[in-house]
Structure formats: C-alpha cells, structure tokens
C-alpha cells in the first residue's frame, strides 16, 4: 500500500475502482445496489463528494483487476476482501467494518475483490475528486494515510496469524480482533463459519471444535451469529498461547 499524503501530480494513481455495473445502479427491486441517506460524519471534506450506496448480501462491491475509478468507506455492515489464485481458488484476506475504506490501491486497478457479507452501505467517492482533495487538504491526506497504514498493520497481523499461531490461537485472535472493533463483549459474526475458516487457514470442523471448546470452558457464549465474550482476559490470553 503506497502512502497517500502527496501534494502534487504524484497524488495520481493512488485509489481504485468499483465495477461499472455498480455505477449504473438500476432502479428495479432486484438490483443489488441502491442510493441511501448519506452518513457525513468523520470524513471531513470527503463528505461533500460522497454518494451513498447500498449493497444486498453477497453483492460484489468491487472486482479484482477492474480499472480504478472509485473509493468506498463502509458506513454499515461487514465486507470481506479476497484474492484470487492463478487456478481460480479464492483466499479471504480480511474483513472490513464501519469506518474502513474499500478500494485503496497503489496502481490503476484493484488488487483484491470485495463482497458484502450482509446488507452493506457505503459512501462512494470519485477517485479523481479524492486525488484533488488530497492535493489541497492535509486532513484528507492524513485520513487516507492512516487508513493505508492500518491496512498494512492488518496484513502483518494476518501473516503472524497464519505463520506462527496454532488453530486455537487463531480462533481466539479472530474473536479478540472482532471484539475490539465492536468495542464491547457482544460480537456479531455475520460471516459464515466457512468464511472464518478460509480467513484463518483452518477447516470448518476445526473452527467449530475450537468455538465449542471456548464455550465449554466458559470463555464465550454462542447463540447463532452472536458471541458473548464472558471472560475477555482469558480470550486474549488464549490468543497468545493456547
């Protein structure tokens, strides 16, 4: 991920695109995309160029390899990000939440695809307009730089997760990370166990078995897609050493 805080012609080629079909949002009820009321909080000058868009569960928000034209900020819901291997298999590389940006890319095309896990709303920004704002607004430049740095840190954390942690540590780490984003002990997991397993590099059976063990040990309580962390300190300890 390249730095965003450039102030001249070097500000070009920094962001990415959403598929053209989403730009032509049809008005029929079957469309996966529609306009919604805009959330203008916490994005400074970007609010003036934002267009609110909604996606149905499972809708493709952007496609890996598509040309760069737009940038998105999630205002509600969860988005899963994935990369495609040469043989067509996909690997989930992360989950993005409210406040995260989707579509940050160093060149003219997206390096990853993104899909709405459940109902998702986003603020959509023209890449060209964002580049102009970056050139004149230190606030926007800092905001995007922070988000780019956050993505880099998340990528490093994922490398550690897959490279050094046990299965039990991976599941505990995942729940701890989601809990921190939820800012509480009640966690919503809208993604499927298959998605979680793919992201953690585990089998579905291992994820289910580990969640069951955490529940039996009184660390968490699980009810469908909702997880109540009963002993946060214990969960964090297990994230570091099973």
Protein backbone atom coordinates (compact mmCIF):
# COMPACT_ATOMS: atom_id res chain seq x y z
CA UNK A 1 0.00 0.00 0.00
CA UNK A 2 1.54 3.31 -1.07
CA UNK A 3 1.48 6.49 1.04
CA UNK A 4 -1.39 8.86 0.31
CA UNK A 5 -0.07 12.20 1.54
CA UNK A 6 1.37 13.57 -1.68
CA UNK A 7 0.66 17.18 -2.67
CA UNK A 8 1.31 17.46 -6.43
CA UNK A 9 0.97 15.38 -9.57
CA UNK A 10 2.29 12.42 -7.61
CA UNK A 11 -1.13 12.22 -5.97
CA UNK A 12 -2.45 10.40 -9.05
CA UNK A 13 -2.78 6.64 -9.34
CA UNK A 14 -3.48 6.04 -5.69
CA UNK A 15 -7.01 4.71 -5.49
CA UNK A 16 -9.22 2.18 -7.15
CA UNK A 17 -12.43 1.36 -8.93
CA UNK A 18 -15.77 -0.31 -8.45
CA UNK A 19 -17.20 -2.38 -11.34
CA UNK A 20 -19.03 -0.35 -13.96
CA UNK A 21 -22.24 -2.26 -13.42
CA UNK A 22 -22.46 -0.71 -9.96
CA UNK A 23 -22.10 2.74 -11.46
CA UNK A 24 -25.26 2.19 -13.45
CA UNK A 25 -27.42 1.40 -10.45
CA UNK A 26 -30.75 0.19 -11.83
CA UNK A 27 -33.91 1.16 -10.05
CA UNK A 28 -35.57 -2.27 -10.07
CA UNK A 29 -36.16 -4.11 -6.81
CA UNK A 30 -33.82 -6.89 -7.94
CA UNK A 31 -30.81 -4.60 -8.08
CA UNK A 32 -28.05 -5.30 -5.50
CA UNK A 33 -27.30 -1.59 -5.20
CA UNK A 34 -29.36 1.48 -4.34
CA UNK A 35 -28.94 5.01 -3.04
CA UNK A 36 -29.37 5.59 0.70
CA UNK A 37 -29.21 8.52 3.09
CA UNK A 38 -25.60 9.74 3.33
CA UNK A 39 -23.55 9.46 6.52
CA UNK A 40 -21.36 12.56 6.56
CA UNK A 41 -19.67 12.04 9.91
CA UNK A 42 -15.94 11.74 10.50
CA UNK A 43 -14.80 12.13 6.88
CA UNK A 44 -14.25 15.91 6.73
CA UNK A 45 -14.13 17.40 3.21
CA UNK A 46 -14.80 13.98 1.69
CA UNK A 47 -18.44 14.31 2.75
CA UNK A 48 -19.03 16.92 0.06
CA UNK A 49 -18.16 14.46 -2.73
CA UNK A 50 -19.74 11.34 -1.22
CA UNK A 51 -22.53 9.33 -2.82
CA UNK A 52 -24.36 6.86 -0.59
CA UNK A 53 -24.82 3.36 -1.97
CA UNK A 54 -26.31 0.16 -0.54
CA UNK A 55 -25.48 -3.44 -1.42
CA UNK A 56 -27.53 -6.55 -0.81
CA UNK A 57 -25.95 -9.54 0.98
CA UNK A 58 -23.49 -11.33 -1.30
CA UNK A 59 -23.28 -8.44 -3.77
CA UNK A 60 -19.94 -7.79 -5.43
CA UNK A 61 -18.71 -4.36 -4.35
CA UNK A 62 -15.57 -4.40 -6.46
CA UNK A 63 -13.75 -6.87 -8.67
CA UNK A 64 -10.10 -7.76 -8.53
CA UNK A 65 -8.35 -6.35 -11.62
CA UNK A 66 -11.03 -3.79 -12.55
CA UNK A 67 -9.87 -0.28 -13.52
CA UNK A 68 -9.61 2.34 -10.77
CA UNK A 69 -12.40 4.91 -10.62
CA UNK A 70 -13.88 4.93 -7.09
CA UNK A 71 -13.06 4.61 -3.42
CA UNK A 72 -15.51 3.47 -0.72
CA UNK A 73 -15.94 3.94 3.02
CA UNK A 74 -18.17 1.49 4.88
CA UNK A 75 -20.99 3.15 6.82
CA UNK A 76 -22.78 -0.04 7.90
CA UNK A 77 -22.25 -3.76 7.60
CA UNK A 78 -19.25 -6.01 7.01
CA UNK A 79 -17.25 -6.57 3.82
CA UNK A 80 -14.98 -9.50 3.07
CA UNK A 81 -11.90 -8.95 0.92
CA UNK A 82 -10.34 -11.73 -1.14
CA UNK A 83 -7.57 -12.51 -3.62
CA UNK A 84 -7.83 -14.98 -6.48
CA UNK A 85 -5.12 -17.55 -7.18
CA UNK A 86 -3.98 -18.48 -10.68
CA UNK A 87 -6.05 -21.69 -10.60
CA UNK A 88 -9.23 -19.78 -9.72
CA UNK A 89 -9.31 -20.53 -5.99
CA UNK A 90 -10.03 -17.60 -3.67
CA UNK A 91 -8.46 -16.71 -0.33
CA UNK A 92 -10.21 -14.36 2.09
CA UNK A 93 -7.60 -11.86 3.23
CA UNK A 94 -9.65 -9.79 5.63
CA UNK A 95 -12.94 -8.43 6.89
CA UNK A 96 -13.68 -4.69 6.86
CA UNK A 97 -16.07 -2.86 9.16
CA UNK A 98 -17.73 0.54 9.64
CA UNK A 99 -15.21 3.32 9.05
CA UNK A 100 -12.88 1.21 6.91
CA UNK A 101 -12.09 2.16 3.34
CA UNK A 102 -12.51 -0.27 0.46
CA UNK A 103 -10.58 0.21 -2.77
CA UNK A 104 -7.28 1.68 -1.63
CA UNK A 105 -4.80 0.52 -4.27
CA UNK A 106 -1.32 1.63 -5.40
CA UNK A 107 -1.97 1.46 -9.14
CA UNK A 108 -4.78 1.75 -11.70
CA UNK A 109 -6.56 -1.49 -10.82
CA UNK A 110 -7.89 -3.20 -7.72
CA UNK A 111 -5.57 -5.78 -6.25
CA UNK A 112 -8.40 -7.56 -4.41
CA UNK A 113 -12.12 -8.16 -4.72
CA UNK A 114 -14.72 -7.25 -2.09
CA UNK A 115 -18.14 -8.74 -1.33
CA UNK A 116 -20.90 -7.64 1.05
CA UNK A 117 -21.21 -10.21 3.87
CA UNK A 118 -24.68 -8.96 4.82
CA UNK A 119 -26.52 -5.73 3.96
CA UNK A 120 -23.86 -3.06 3.47
CA UNK A 121 -23.98 0.69 2.94
CA UNK A 122 -21.01 2.72 1.80
CA UNK A 123 -20.01 6.23 0.90
CA UNK A 124 -18.65 6.21 -2.64
CA UNK A 125 -16.07 8.77 -3.81
CA UNK A 126 -14.77 9.57 -7.27
CA UNK A 127 -11.07 8.72 -7.34
CA UNK A 128 -10.26 11.83 -9.37
CA UNK A 129 -12.05 14.07 -6.88
CA UNK A 130 -10.31 12.37 -3.96
CA UNK A 131 -6.94 12.96 -5.60
CA UNK A 132 -7.75 16.66 -5.94
CA UNK A 133 -8.72 16.82 -2.26
CA UNK A 134 -5.53 15.04 -1.21
CA UNK A 135 -3.54 17.71 -3.05
CA UNK A 136 -5.15 20.59 -1.14
CA UNK A 137 -6.42 19.11 2.14
CA UNK A 138 -3.94 17.87 4.78
CA UNK A 139 -6.95 16.46 6.68
CA UNK A 140 -7.94 14.16 3.82
CA UNK A 141 -4.31 13.21 3.18
CA UNK A 142 -3.82 12.25 6.84
CA UNK A 143 -7.09 10.31 6.95
CA UNK A 144 -6.19 8.18 3.95
CA UNK A 145 -2.61 7.74 5.11
CA UNK A 146 -3.84 6.42 8.46
CA UNK A 147 -6.17 4.00 6.71
CA UNK A 148 -3.38 2.79 4.42
CA UNK A 149 -1.15 2.23 7.46
CA UNK A 150 -3.97 0.35 9.20
CA UNK A 151 -4.25 -1.98 6.21
CA UNK A 152 -0.50 -2.59 6.30
CA UNK A 153 -0.65 -3.45 10.00
CA UNK A 154 -3.62 -5.75 9.40
CA UNK A 155 -1.67 -7.55 6.66
CA UNK A 156 1.27 -8.02 9.02
CA UNK A 157 -1.04 -9.35 11.74
CA UNK A 158 -2.52 -11.81 9.25
CA UNK A 159 0.96 -13.05 8.32
CA UNK A 160 1.68 -13.68 12.01
CA UNK A 161 -1.69 -15.35 12.48
CA UNK A 162 -1.18 -17.82 9.63
CA UNK A 163 2.53 -18.31 10.04
CA UNK A 164 3.06 -18.81 13.79
CA UNK A 165 -0.19 -19.33 15.68
CA UNK A 166 -1.93 -22.60 16.48
CA UNK A 167 -5.52 -23.28 15.45
CA UNK A 168 -6.83 -22.41 18.92
CA UNK A 169 -4.78 -19.21 18.98
CA UNK A 170 -6.08 -18.21 15.55
CA UNK A 171 -9.73 -18.54 16.56
CA UNK A 172 -9.15 -16.71 19.84
CA UNK A 173 -7.24 -13.97 17.99
CA UNK A 174 -10.05 -13.60 15.49
CA UNK A 175 -12.68 -13.21 18.20
CA UNK A 176 -10.47 -10.77 20.09
CA UNK A 177 -9.96 -8.63 16.97
CA UNK A 178 -13.69 -8.58 16.20
CA UNK A 179 -14.42 -7.70 19.81
CA UNK A 180 -12.08 -4.73 19.69
CA UNK A 181 -13.84 -3.46 16.58
CA UNK A 182 -17.22 -3.97 18.23
CA UNK A 183 -15.96 -2.05 21.28
CA UNK A 184 -17.71 -4.45 23.61
CA UNK A 185 -18.13 -8.05 24.72
CA UNK A 186 -21.11 -8.78 22.46
CA UNK A 187 -19.86 -9.76 19.00
CA UNK A 188 -21.84 -10.16 15.80
CA UNK A 189 -20.39 -12.67 13.33
CA UNK A 190 -22.33 -12.16 10.10
CA UNK A 191 -19.74 -14.12 8.12
CA UNK A 192 -20.17 -17.88 7.75
CA UNK A 193 -18.02 -20.47 9.50
CA UNK A 194 -16.68 -21.28 6.03
CA UNK A 195 -15.52 -17.68 5.60
CA UNK A 196 -13.93 -17.68 9.05
CA UNK A 197 -12.15 -20.96 8.34
CA UNK A 198 -10.90 -19.66 4.99
CA UNK A 199 -9.60 -16.46 6.58
CA UNK A 200 -7.85 -18.35 9.39
CA UNK A 201 -6.46 -21.06 7.14
CA UNK A 202 -8.36 -23.79 9.02
CA UNK A 203 -11.08 -26.34 8.32
CA UNK A 204 -14.69 -25.63 9.26
CA UNK A 205 -14.54 -28.57 11.67
CA UNK A 206 -11.53 -27.07 13.48
CA UNK A 207 -13.23 -23.68 13.82
CA UNK A 208 -16.42 -25.29 15.17
CA UNK A 209 -14.49 -27.54 17.55
CA UNK A 210 -12.45 -24.63 18.91
CA UNK A 211 -15.54 -22.45 19.39
CA UNK A 212 -17.21 -25.33 21.22
CA UNK A 213 -14.19 -25.72 23.50
CA UNK A 214 -14.20 -21.99 24.31
CA UNK A 215 -17.88 -22.21 25.17
CA UNK A 216 -17.45 -25.30 27.34
CA UNK A 217 -14.60 -23.58 29.18
CA UNK A 218 -16.85 -20.62 29.97
CA UNK A 219 -14.82 -18.15 27.91
CA UNK A 220 -17.63 -17.34 25.46
CA UNK A 221 -21.32 -17.97 24.96
CA UNK A 222 -22.54 -18.58 21.41
CA UNK A 223 -26.04 -18.16 20.03
CA UNK A 224 -26.13 -18.49 16.24
CA UNK A 225 -24.23 -15.48 14.81
CA UNK A 226 -23.86 -13.79 18.21
CA UNK A 227 -20.94 -14.35 20.56
CA UNK A 228 -20.86 -13.02 24.13
CA UNK A 229 -17.33 -12.88 25.50
CA UNK A 230 -17.70 -13.84 29.15
CA UNK A 231 -14.01 -13.70 30.05
CA UNK A 232 -12.21 -11.20 27.78
CA UNK A 233 -8.87 -11.51 29.58
CA UNK A 234 -8.91 -15.29 29.17
CA UNK A 235 -9.77 -14.98 25.48
CA UNK A 236 -6.86 -12.60 24.93
CA UNK A 237 -4.53 -14.94 26.83
CA UNK A 238 -5.58 -17.83 24.59
CA UNK A 239 -4.95 -15.68 21.55
CA UNK A 240 -1.30 -15.52 22.57
CA UNK A 241 -0.74 -19.02 23.94
CA UNK A 242 -3.11 -21.94 23.63
